Amino acid sequence: RLGLDAGISWSCYDPAPGGVHCGKCDSCRLRAKGYA
């Protein structure tokens, strides 16, 4: 609604190689759950 590019934000507690979200920490899980 606010017109934000959420892709520039970062949530992961334990970044994976290559500078991507790990997908398994609590923060990643909550973020993915919210979008789903």
PDB file of all heavy atoms in Angstrom:
ATOM      1  N   ARG A   1       0.829  -1.216   0.000  1.00  0.00           N
ATOM      2  CA  ARG A   1       0.000   0.000   0.000  1.00  0.00           C
ATOM      3  C   ARG A   1       0.858   1.258   0.000  1.00  0.00           C
ATOM      4  O   ARG A   1       0.527   2.252  -0.664  1.00  0.00           O
ATOM      5  CB  ARG A   1      -0.916   0.001   1.230  1.00  0.00           C
ATOM      6  CG  ARG A   1      -1.893   1.190   1.255  1.00  0.00           C
ATOM      7  CD  ARG A   1      -2.627   1.302   2.572  1.00  0.00           C
ATOM      8  NE  ARG A   1      -1.777   1.746   3.666  1.00  0.00           N
ATOM      9  CZ  ARG A   1      -1.434   3.021   3.874  1.00  0.00           C
ATOM     10  NH1 ARG A   1      -1.842   3.985   3.046  1.00  0.00           N
ATOM     11  NH2 ARG A   1      -0.669   3.344   4.902  1.00  0.00           N
ATOM     12  N   LEU A   2       1.961   1.214   0.719  1.00  0.00           N
ATOM     13  CA  LEU A   2       2.841   2.379   0.825  1.00  0.00           C
ATOM     14  C   LEU A   2       3.773   2.531  -0.369  1.00  0.00           C
ATOM     15  O   LEU A   2       4.541   3.488  -0.442  1.00  0.00           O
ATOM     16  CB  LEU A   2       3.660   2.281   2.118  1.00  0.00           C
ATOM     17  CG  LEU A   2       2.864   2.452   3.425  1.00  0.00           C
ATOM     18  CD1 LEU A   2       3.683   1.936   4.616  1.00  0.00           C
ATOM     19  CD2 LEU A   2       2.473   3.907   3.630  1.00  0.00           C
ATOM     20  N   GLY A   3       3.706   1.580  -1.297  1.00  0.00           N
ATOM     21  CA  GLY A   3       4.533   1.652  -2.497  1.00  0.00           C
ATOM     22  C   GLY A   3       5.995   1.348  -2.255  1.00  0.00           C
ATOM     23  O   GLY A   3       6.872   1.843  -2.975  1.00  0.00           O
ATOM     24  N   LEU A   4       6.278   0.500  -1.262  1.00  0.00           N
ATOM     25  CA  LEU A   4       7.654   0.195  -0.903  1.00  0.00           C
ATOM     26  C   LEU A   4       8.199  -0.996  -1.687  1.00  0.00           C
ATOM     27  O   LEU A   4       7.454  -1.919  -2.015  1.00  0.00           O
ATOM     28  CB  LEU A   4       7.740  -0.119   0.597  1.00  0.00           C
ATOM     29  CG  LEU A   4       7.225   0.972   1.546  1.00  0.00           C
ATOM     30  CD1 LEU A   4       7.272   0.475   2.982  1.00  0.00           C
ATOM     31  CD2 LEU A   4       8.044   2.249   1.381  1.00  0.00           C
ATOM     32  N   ASP A   5       9.476  -0.967  -1.930  1.00  0.00           N
ATOM     33  CA  ASP A   5      10.167  -2.103  -2.539  1.00  0.00           C
ATOM     34  C   ASP A   5      10.718  -2.960  -1.408  1.00  0.00           C
ATOM     35  O   ASP A   5      11.832  -2.750  -0.935  1.00  0.00           O
ATOM     36  CB  ASP A   5      11.293  -1.621  -3.457  1.00  0.00           C
ATOM     37  CG  ASP A   5      12.111  -2.763  -4.043  1.00  0.00           C
ATOM     38  OD1 ASP A   5      11.711  -3.936  -3.874  1.00  0.00           O
ATOM     39  OD2 ASP A   5      13.152  -2.480  -4.661  1.00  0.00           O
ATOM     40  N   ALA A   6       9.931  -3.937  -0.964  1.00  0.00           N
ATOM     41  CA  ALA A   6      10.328  -4.762   0.177  1.00  0.00           C
ATOM     42  C   ALA A   6      11.560  -5.599  -0.125  1.00  0.00           C
ATOM     43  O   ALA A   6      12.227  -6.085   0.796  1.00  0.00           O
ATOM     44  CB  ALA A   6       9.178  -5.661   0.596  1.00  0.00           C
ATOM     45  N   GLY A   7      11.894  -5.749  -1.392  1.00  0.00           N
ATOM     46  CA  GLY A   7      13.070  -6.523  -1.770  1.00  0.00           C
ATOM     47  C   GLY A   7      14.375  -5.904  -1.314  1.00  0.00           C
ATOM     48  O   GLY A   7      15.396  -6.593  -1.254  1.00  0.00           O
ATOM     49  N   ILE A   8      14.378  -4.616  -0.963  1.00  0.00           N
ATOM     50  CA  ILE A   8      15.613  -3.984  -0.500  1.00  0.00           C
ATOM     51  C   ILE A   8      15.798  -4.155   1.006  1.00  0.00           C
ATOM     52  O   ILE A   8      16.836  -3.776   1.551  1.00  0.00           O
ATOM     53  CB  ILE A   8      15.691  -2.496  -0.881  1.00  0.00           C
ATOM     54  CG1 ILE A   8      14.666  -1.662  -0.098  1.00  0.00           C
ATOM     55  CG2 ILE A   8      15.515  -2.308  -2.373  1.00  0.00           C
ATOM     56  CD1 ILE A   8      14.815  -0.164  -0.300  1.00  0.00           C
ATOM     57  N   SER A   9      14.798  -4.720   1.692  1.00  0.00           N
ATOM     58  CA  SER A   9      14.915  -4.934   3.134  1.00  0.00           C
ATOM     59  C   SER A   9      15.582  -6.278   3.413  1.00  0.00           C
ATOM     60  O   SER A   9      15.705  -7.127   2.528  1.00  0.00           O
ATOM     61  CB  SER A   9      13.531  -4.871   3.796  1.00  0.00           C
ATOM     62  OG  SER A   9      12.720  -5.961   3.398  1.00  0.00           O
ATOM     63  N   TRP A  10      15.991  -6.465   4.662  1.00  0.00           N
ATOM     64  CA  TRP A  10      16.680  -7.696   5.051  1.00  0.00           C
ATOM     65  C   TRP A  10      16.150  -8.170   6.389  1.00  0.00           C
ATOM     66  O   TRP A  10      16.083  -7.400   7.349  1.00  0.00           O
ATOM     67  CB  TRP A  10      18.183  -7.459   5.165  1.00  0.00           C
ATOM     68  CG  TRP A  10      18.911  -8.729   5.492  1.00  0.00           C
ATOM     69  CD1 TRP A  10      19.166  -9.246   6.739  1.00  0.00           C
ATOM     70  CD2 TRP A  10      19.411  -9.679   4.557  1.00  0.00           C
ATOM     71  NE1 TRP A  10      19.798 -10.454   6.629  1.00  0.00           N
ATOM     72  CE2 TRP A  10      19.965 -10.748   5.302  1.00  0.00           C
ATOM     73  CE3 TRP A  10      19.458  -9.728   3.157  1.00  0.00           C
ATOM     74  CZ2 TRP A  10      20.558 -11.852   4.698  1.00  0.00           C
ATOM     75  CZ3 TRP A  10      20.052 -10.826   2.556  1.00  0.00           C
ATOM     76  CH2 TRP A  10      20.597 -11.873   3.320  1.00  0.00           C
ATOM     77  N   SER A  11      15.793  -9.474   6.472  1.00  0.00           N
ATOM     78  CA  SER A  11      15.241 -10.024   7.704  1.00  0.00           C
ATOM     79  C   SER A  11      16.069 -11.146   8.315  1.00  0.00           C
ATOM     80  O   SER A  11      15.974 -11.402   9.512  1.00  0.00           O
ATOM     81  CB  SER A  11      13.816 -10.546   7.452  1.00  0.00           C
ATOM     82  OG  SER A  11      12.946  -9.506   7.063  1.00  0.00           O
ATOM     83  N   CYS A  12      16.861 -11.842   7.538  1.00  0.00           N
ATOM     84  CA  CYS A  12      17.508 -13.083   7.961  1.00  0.00           C
ATOM     85  C   CYS A  12      18.538 -12.874   9.076  1.00  0.00           C
ATOM     86  O   CYS A  12      19.357 -11.956   9.002  1.00  0.00           O
ATOM     87  CB  CYS A  12      18.173 -13.744   6.757  1.00  0.00           C
ATOM     88  SG  CYS A  12      18.979 -15.311   7.135  1.00  0.00           S
ATOM     89  N   TYR A  13      18.507 -13.758  10.074  1.00  0.00           N
ATOM     90  CA  TYR A  13      19.462 -13.712  11.175  1.00  0.00           C
ATOM     91  C   TYR A  13      20.794 -14.388  10.846  1.00  0.00           C
ATOM     92  O   TYR A  13      21.793 -14.168  11.533  1.00  0.00           O
ATOM     93  CB  TYR A  13      18.880 -14.418  12.400  1.00  0.00           C
ATOM     94  CG  TYR A  13      17.732 -13.721  13.068  1.00  0.00           C
ATOM     95  CD1 TYR A  13      16.728 -14.460  13.693  1.00  0.00           C
ATOM     96  CD2 TYR A  13      17.648 -12.334  13.112  1.00  0.00           C
ATOM     97  CE1 TYR A  13      15.676 -13.837  14.334  1.00  0.00           C
ATOM     98  CE2 TYR A  13      16.597 -11.702  13.742  1.00  0.00           C
ATOM     99  CZ  TYR A  13      15.608 -12.462  14.361  1.00  0.00           C
ATOM    100  OH  TYR A  13      14.564 -11.841  14.988  1.00  0.00           O
ATOM    101  N   ASP A  14      20.807 -15.232   9.838  1.00  0.00           N
ATOM    102  CA  ASP A  14      21.998 -16.039   9.549  1.00  0.00           C
ATOM    103  C   ASP A  14      22.199 -16.117   8.036  1.00  0.00           C
ATOM    104  O   ASP A  14      21.898 -17.130   7.408  1.00  0.00           O
ATOM    105  CB  ASP A  14      21.817 -17.440  10.142  1.00  0.00           C
ATOM    106  CG  ASP A  14      23.108 -18.238  10.165  1.00  0.00           C
ATOM    107  OD1 ASP A  14      24.185 -17.627  10.096  1.00  0.00           O
ATOM    108  OD2 ASP A  14      23.024 -19.481  10.252  1.00  0.00           O
ATOM    109  N   PRO A  15      22.701 -15.043   7.426  1.00  0.00           N
ATOM    110  CA  PRO A  15      22.791 -14.970   5.964  1.00  0.00           C
ATOM    111  C   PRO A  15      23.510 -16.177   5.362  1.00  0.00           C
ATOM    112  O   PRO A  15      24.528 -16.639   5.880  1.00  0.00           O
ATOM    113  CB  PRO A  15      23.582 -13.683   5.729  1.00  0.00           C
ATOM    114  CG  PRO A  15      23.331 -12.850   6.942  1.00  0.00           C
ATOM    115  CD  PRO A  15      23.218 -13.826   8.075  1.00  0.00           C
ATOM    116  N   ALA A  16      22.966 -16.676   4.261  1.00  0.00           N
ATOM    117  CA  ALA A  16      23.558 -17.808   3.555  1.00  0.00           C
ATOM    118  C   ALA A  16      24.627 -17.307   2.586  1.00  0.00           C
ATOM    119  O   ALA A  16      24.652 -16.117   2.228  1.00  0.00           O
ATOM    120  CB  ALA A  16      22.476 -18.566   2.797  1.00  0.00           C
ATOM    121  N   PRO A  17      25.509 -18.194   2.149  1.00  0.00           N
ATOM    122  CA  PRO A  17      26.510 -17.802   1.151  1.00  0.00           C
ATOM    123  C   PRO A  17      25.834 -17.189  -0.077  1.00  0.00           C
ATOM    124  O   PRO A  17      24.772 -17.623  -0.500  1.00  0.00           O
ATOM    125  CB  PRO A  17      27.196 -19.127   0.811  1.00  0.00           C
ATOM    126  CG  PRO A  17      27.037 -19.958   2.041  1.00  0.00           C
ATOM    127  CD  PRO A  17      25.685 -19.598   2.588  1.00  0.00           C
ATOM    128  N   GLY A  18      26.460 -16.170  -0.616  1.00  0.00           N
ATOM    129  CA  GLY A  18      25.877 -15.493  -1.762  1.00  0.00           C
ATOM    130  C   GLY A  18      25.011 -14.312  -1.380  1.00  0.00           C
ATOM    131  O   GLY A  18      24.421 -13.660  -2.241  1.00  0.00           O
ATOM    132  N   GLY A  19      24.932 -14.042  -0.074  1.00  0.00           N
ATOM    133  CA  GLY A  19      24.179 -12.877   0.369  1.00  0.00           C
ATOM    134  C   GLY A  19      22.678 -13.012   0.229  1.00  0.00           C
ATOM    135  O   GLY A  19      21.988 -12.039  -0.082  1.00  0.00           O
ATOM    136  N   VAL A  20      22.154 -14.223   0.476  1.00  0.00           N
ATOM    137  CA  VAL A  20      20.711 -14.442   0.411  1.00  0.00           C
ATOM    138  C   VAL A  20      20.205 -14.875   1.781  1.00  0.00           C
ATOM    139  O   VAL A  20      20.976 -15.277   2.654  1.00  0.00           O
ATOM    140  CB  VAL A  20      20.336 -15.490  -0.655  1.00  0.00           C
ATOM    141  CG1 VAL A  20      20.776 -15.025  -2.040  1.00  0.00           C
ATOM    142  CG2 VAL A  20      20.952 -16.846  -0.327  1.00  0.00           C
ATOM    143  N   HIS A  21      18.876 -14.789   1.968  1.00  0.00           N
ATOM    144  CA  HIS A  21      18.260 -15.219   3.215  1.00  0.00           C
ATOM    145  C   HIS A  21      18.385 -16.737   3.361  1.00  0.00           C
ATOM    146  O   HIS A  21      18.221 -17.471   2.386  1.00  0.00           O
ATOM    147  CB  HIS A  21      16.781 -14.831   3.228  1.00  0.00           C
ATOM    148  CG  HIS A  21      16.517 -13.368   3.439  1.00  0.00           C
ATOM    149  ND1 HIS A  21      16.977 -12.394   2.577  1.00  0.00           N
ATOM    150  CD2 HIS A  21      15.822 -12.721   4.410  1.00  0.00           C
ATOM    151  CE1 HIS A  21      16.573 -11.201   3.016  1.00  0.00           C
ATOM    152  NE2 HIS A  21      15.879 -11.373   4.137  1.00  0.00           N
ATOM    153  N   CYS A  22      18.622 -17.193   4.599  1.00  0.00           N
ATOM    154  CA  CYS A  22      18.825 -18.638   4.805  1.00  0.00           C
ATOM    155  C   CYS A  22      17.553 -19.434   4.567  1.00  0.00           C
ATOM    156  O   CYS A  22      17.595 -20.580   4.129  1.00  0.00           O
ATOM    157  CB  CYS A  22      19.379 -18.903   6.199  1.00  0.00           C
ATOM    158  SG  CYS A  22      18.188 -18.741   7.560  1.00  0.00           S
ATOM    159  N   GLY A  23      16.402 -18.844   4.885  1.00  0.00           N
ATOM    160  CA  GLY A  23      15.127 -19.522   4.676  1.00  0.00           C
ATOM    161  C   GLY A  23      14.667 -20.362   5.841  1.00  0.00           C
ATOM    162  O   GLY A  23      13.522 -20.840   5.842  1.00  0.00           O
ATOM    163  N   LYS A  24      15.498 -20.545   6.870  1.00  0.00           N
ATOM    164  CA  LYS A  24      15.147 -21.454   7.954  1.00  0.00           C
ATOM    165  C   LYS A  24      15.107 -20.810   9.341  1.00  0.00           C
ATOM    166  O   LYS A  24      14.535 -21.385  10.265  1.00  0.00           O
ATOM    167  CB  LYS A  24      16.132 -22.633   7.985  1.00  0.00           C
ATOM    168  CG  LYS A  24      16.000 -23.570   6.783  1.00  0.00           C
ATOM    169  CD  LYS A  24      14.610 -24.180   6.698  1.00  0.00           C
ATOM    170  CE  LYS A  24      14.470 -25.147   5.530  1.00  0.00           C
ATOM    171  NZ  LYS A  24      13.090 -25.676   5.409  1.00  0.00           N
ATOM    172  N   CYS A  25      15.730 -19.668   9.527  1.00  0.00           N
ATOM    173  CA  CYS A  25      15.693 -19.029  10.841  1.00  0.00           C
ATOM    174  C   CYS A  25      14.285 -18.495  11.113  1.00  0.00           C
ATOM    175  O   CYS A  25      13.456 -18.395  10.204  1.00  0.00           O
ATOM    176  CB  CYS A  25      16.728 -17.910  10.943  1.00  0.00           C
ATOM    177  SG  CYS A  25      16.371 -16.440   9.940  1.00  0.00           S
ATOM    178  N   ASP A  26      14.018 -18.153  12.378  1.00  0.00           N
ATOM    179  CA  ASP A  26      12.681 -17.677  12.740  1.00  0.00           C
ATOM    180  C   ASP A  26      12.255 -16.483  11.896  1.00  0.00           C
ATOM    181  O   ASP A  26      11.103 -16.384  11.451  1.00  0.00           O
ATOM    182  CB  ASP A  26      12.655 -17.261  14.216  1.00  0.00           C
ATOM    183  CG  ASP A  26      12.697 -18.438  15.167  1.00  0.00           C
ATOM    184  OD1 ASP A  26      12.751 -19.585  14.697  1.00  0.00           O
ATOM    185  OD2 ASP A  26      12.678 -18.206  16.398  1.00  0.00           O
ATOM    186  N   SER A  27      13.181 -15.556  11.688  1.00  0.00           N
ATOM    187  CA  SER A  27      12.835 -14.337  10.968  1.00  0.00           C
ATOM    188  C   SER A  27      12.472 -14.627   9.514  1.00  0.00           C
ATOM    189  O   SER A  27      11.519 -14.056   8.978  1.00  0.00           O
ATOM    190  CB  SER A  27      14.000 -13.352  11.041  1.00  0.00           C
ATOM    191  OG  SER A  27      13.626 -12.089  10.555  1.00  0.00           O
ATOM    192  N   CYS A  28      13.219 -15.525   8.867  1.00  0.00           N
ATOM    193  CA  CYS A  28      12.888 -15.919   7.493  1.00  0.00           C
ATOM    194  C   CYS A  28      11.519 -16.599   7.439  1.00  0.00           C
ATOM    195  O   CYS A  28      10.706 -16.338   6.548  1.00  0.00           O
ATOM    196  CB  CYS A  28      13.947 -16.863   6.944  1.00  0.00           C
ATOM    197  SG  CYS A  28      15.470 -16.054   6.378  1.00  0.00           S
ATOM    198  N   ARG A  29      11.284 -17.495   8.384  1.00  0.00           N
ATOM    199  CA  ARG A  29      10.015 -18.229   8.400  1.00  0.00           C
ATOM    200  C   ARG A  29       8.827 -17.293   8.579  1.00  0.00           C
ATOM    201  O   ARG A  29       7.799 -17.429   7.915  1.00  0.00           O
ATOM    202  CB  ARG A  29      10.033 -19.282   9.514  1.00  0.00           C
ATOM    203  CG  ARG A  29      10.975 -20.457   9.259  1.00  0.00           C
ATOM    204  CD  ARG A  29      11.027 -21.371  10.473  1.00  0.00           C
ATOM    205  NE  ARG A  29      12.017 -22.426  10.355  1.00  0.00           N
ATOM    206  CZ  ARG A  29      11.775 -23.633   9.845  1.00  0.00           C
ATOM    207  NH1 ARG A  29      10.575 -23.931   9.396  1.00  0.00           N
ATOM    208  NH2 ARG A  29      12.745 -24.535   9.790  1.00  0.00           N
ATOM    209  N   LEU A  30       8.966 -16.324   9.493  1.00  0.00           N
ATOM    210  CA  LEU A  30       7.881 -15.386   9.732  1.00  0.00           C
ATOM    211  C   LEU A  30       7.648 -14.484   8.522  1.00  0.00           C
ATOM    212  O   LEU A  30       6.510 -14.174   8.172  1.00  0.00           O
ATOM    213  CB  LEU A  30       8.187 -14.544  10.975  1.00  0.00           C
ATOM    214  CG  LEU A  30       8.110 -15.294  12.310  1.00  0.00           C
ATOM    215  CD1 LEU A  30       8.694 -14.445  13.433  1.00  0.00           C
ATOM    216  CD2 LEU A  30       6.677 -15.683  12.636  1.00  0.00           C
ATOM    217  N   ARG A  31       8.715 -14.075   7.873  1.00  0.00           N
ATOM    218  CA  ARG A  31       8.594 -13.229   6.686  1.00  0.00           C
ATOM    219  C   ARG A  31       7.891 -13.991   5.558  1.00  0.00           C
ATOM    220  O   ARG A  31       6.933 -13.480   4.952  1.00  0.00           O
ATOM    221  CB  ARG A  31       9.986 -12.776   6.241  1.00  0.00           C
ATOM    222  CG  ARG A  31      10.000 -11.873   5.007  1.00  0.00           C
ATOM    223  CD  ARG A  31      11.408 -11.371   4.756  1.00  0.00           C
ATOM    224  NE  ARG A  31      11.519 -10.624   3.505  1.00  0.00           N
ATOM    225  CZ  ARG A  31      12.044  -9.412   3.394  1.00  0.00           C
ATOM    226  NH1 ARG A  31      12.508  -8.789   4.463  1.00  0.00           N
ATOM    227  NH2 ARG A  31      12.137  -8.811   2.217  1.00  0.00           N
ATOM    228  N   ALA A  32       8.355 -15.214   5.288  1.00  0.00           N
ATOM    229  CA  ALA A  32       7.752 -16.013   4.217  1.00  0.00           C
ATOM    230  C   ALA A  32       6.287 -16.332   4.522  1.00  0.00           C
ATOM    231  O   ALA A  32       5.427 -16.293   3.633  1.00  0.00           O
ATOM    232  CB  ALA A  32       8.544 -17.296   4.020  1.00  0.00           C
ATOM    233  N   LYS A  33       6.000 -16.635   5.786  1.00  0.00           N
ATOM    234  CA  LYS A  33       4.626 -16.931   6.207  1.00  0.00           C
ATOM    235  C   LYS A  33       3.716 -15.725   5.966  1.00  0.00           C
ATOM    236  O   LYS A  33       2.575 -15.860   5.491  1.00  0.00           O
ATOM    237  CB  LYS A  33       4.636 -17.309   7.690  1.00  0.00           C
ATOM    238  CG  LYS A  33       3.258 -17.522   8.324  1.00  0.00           C
ATOM    239  CD  LYS A  33       3.443 -17.986   9.762  1.00  0.00           C
ATOM    240  CE  LYS A  33       2.118 -18.093  10.517  1.00  0.00           C
ATOM    241  NZ  LYS A  33       1.623 -16.754  10.945  1.00  0.00           N
ATOM    242  N   GLY A  34       4.218 -14.540   6.275  1.00  0.00           N
ATOM    243  CA  GLY A  34       3.422 -13.343   6.076  1.00  0.00           C
ATOM    244  C   GLY A  34       3.064 -13.125   4.621  1.00  0.00           C
ATOM    245  O   GLY A  34       1.912 -12.832   4.286  1.00  0.00           O
ATOM    246  N   TYR A  35       4.043 -13.282   3.743  1.00  0.00           N
ATOM    247  CA  TYR A  35       3.765 -13.096   2.316  1.00  0.00           C
ATOM    248  C   TYR A  35       2.806 -14.161   1.791  1.00  0.00           C
ATOM    249  O   TYR A  35       1.905 -13.863   0.997  1.00  0.00           O
ATOM    250  CB  TYR A  35       5.071 -13.087   1.520  1.00  0.00           C
ATOM    251  CG  TYR A  35       5.686 -11.718   1.464  1.00  0.00           C
ATOM    252  CD1 TYR A  35       6.737 -11.364   2.311  1.00  0.00           C
ATOM    253  CD2 TYR A  35       5.200 -10.746   0.592  1.00  0.00           C
ATOM    254  CE1 TYR A  35       7.285 -10.092   2.282  1.00  0.00           C
ATOM    255  CE2 TYR A  35       5.736  -9.473   0.559  1.00  0.00           C
ATOM    256  CZ  TYR A  35       6.776  -9.156   1.404  1.00  0.00           C
ATOM    257  OH  TYR A  35       7.305  -7.881   1.382  1.00  0.00           O
ATOM    258  N   ALA A  36       2.988 -15.393   2.249  1.00  0.00           N
ATOM    259  CA  ALA A  36       2.110 -16.471   1.795  1.00  0.00           C
ATOM    260  C   ALA A  36       0.670 -16.209   2.234  1.00  0.00           C
ATOM    261  O   ALA A  36      -0.282 -16.372   1.444  1.00  0.00           O
ATOM    262  CB  ALA A  36       2.598 -17.811   2.336  1.00  0.00           C
TER     263      ALA A  36
END
